[in-house]
């Protein structure tokens, strides 16, 4: 395993399970290159967060979403 993966595994192993629920969708999106919102997690979002997620889904459905790989991080 690469040093980076080892570091990430160590970090994940030290995160309480309750907090892991919050990063699971992000890791799933990165791994599958998809947008994933699990219904159980959606229920714990604030109204502003739910609105943002639904706005993003609507943008994606209209073909206006930007692929994660196309984001310029510089």
Protein backbone atom coordinates (compact mmCIF):
# COMPACT_ATOMS: atom_id res chain seq x y z
CA UNK A 1 0.00 0.00 0.00
CA UNK A 2 1.29 3.48 -0.80
CA UNK A 3 2.33 5.83 2.02
CA UNK A 4 -0.65 8.06 1.26
CA UNK A 5 -3.11 5.18 1.51
CA UNK A 6 -1.48 4.07 4.76
CA UNK A 7 -1.87 7.57 6.15
CA UNK A 8 -5.52 7.73 5.12
CA UNK A 9 -6.23 4.28 6.58
CA UNK A 10 -4.66 5.39 9.86
CA UNK A 11 -6.82 8.52 9.88
CA UNK A 12 -9.98 6.56 9.13
CA UNK A 13 -9.18 3.97 11.77
CA UNK A 14 -9.08 6.74 14.38
CA UNK A 15 -12.37 8.40 13.42
CA UNK A 16 -15.38 7.40 15.54
CA UNK A 17 -18.01 5.42 13.62
CA UNK A 18 -20.59 8.19 14.04
CA UNK A 19 -18.33 10.61 12.18
CA UNK A 20 -17.51 8.05 9.49
CA UNK A 21 -21.12 8.30 8.33
CA UNK A 22 -20.41 11.85 7.18
CA UNK A 23 -17.47 10.92 4.95
CA UNK A 24 -18.85 7.70 3.48
CA UNK A 25 -20.82 9.49 0.71
CA UNK A 26 -17.77 11.54 -0.28
CA UNK A 27 -15.53 8.48 -0.46
CA UNK A 28 -18.22 6.64 -2.43
CA UNK A 29 -18.53 9.53 -4.90
CA UNK A 30 -14.78 9.62 -5.43
CA UNK A 31 -14.52 5.85 -5.78
CA UNK A 32 -17.51 5.42 -8.12
CA UNK A 33 -17.21 8.85 -9.81
CA UNK A 34 -20.89 9.42 -9.07
CA UNK A 35 -23.10 11.57 -6.91
CA UNK A 36 -24.46 9.60 -3.95
CA UNK A 37 -26.89 10.80 -1.32
CA UNK A 38 -28.04 8.07 1.00
CA UNK A 39 -31.60 8.62 2.29
CA UNK A 40 -30.59 8.03 5.91
CA UNK A 41 -27.84 10.64 5.69
CA UNK A 42 -30.08 13.06 3.82
CA UNK A 43 -32.42 13.07 6.81
CA UNK A 44 -29.71 14.43 9.12
CA UNK A 45 -28.82 17.36 6.86
CA UNK A 46 -29.89 20.90 7.72
CA UNK A 47 -32.50 22.55 5.52
CA UNK A 48 -29.76 24.63 3.84
CA UNK A 49 -27.71 21.49 3.14
CA UNK A 50 -30.75 19.68 1.72
CA UNK A 51 -31.48 22.65 -0.52
CA UNK A 52 -27.88 22.70 -1.76
CA UNK A 53 -27.94 18.97 -2.50
CA UNK A 54 -31.24 19.19 -4.37
CA UNK A 55 -29.96 22.19 -6.32
CA UNK A 56 -26.90 20.16 -7.34
CA UNK A 57 -29.06 17.22 -8.41
CA UNK A 58 -31.21 19.55 -10.54
CA UNK A 59 -28.09 21.04 -12.15
CA UNK A 60 -26.84 17.54 -12.93
CA UNK A 61 -30.17 16.56 -14.46
CA UNK A 62 -30.03 19.65 -16.71
CA UNK A 63 -26.47 18.77 -17.73
CA UNK A 64 -25.04 21.82 -16.00
CA UNK A 65 -23.02 20.02 -13.32
CA UNK A 66 -19.23 20.10 -13.44
CA UNK A 67 -17.42 16.78 -13.29
CA UNK A 68 -15.18 16.42 -10.23
CA UNK A 69 -12.21 15.77 -12.55
CA UNK A 70 -12.81 19.06 -14.37
CA UNK A 71 -12.44 21.26 -11.28
CA UNK A 72 -9.32 23.42 -11.34
CA UNK A 73 -7.93 23.16 -7.81
CA UNK A 74 -5.14 25.71 -8.31
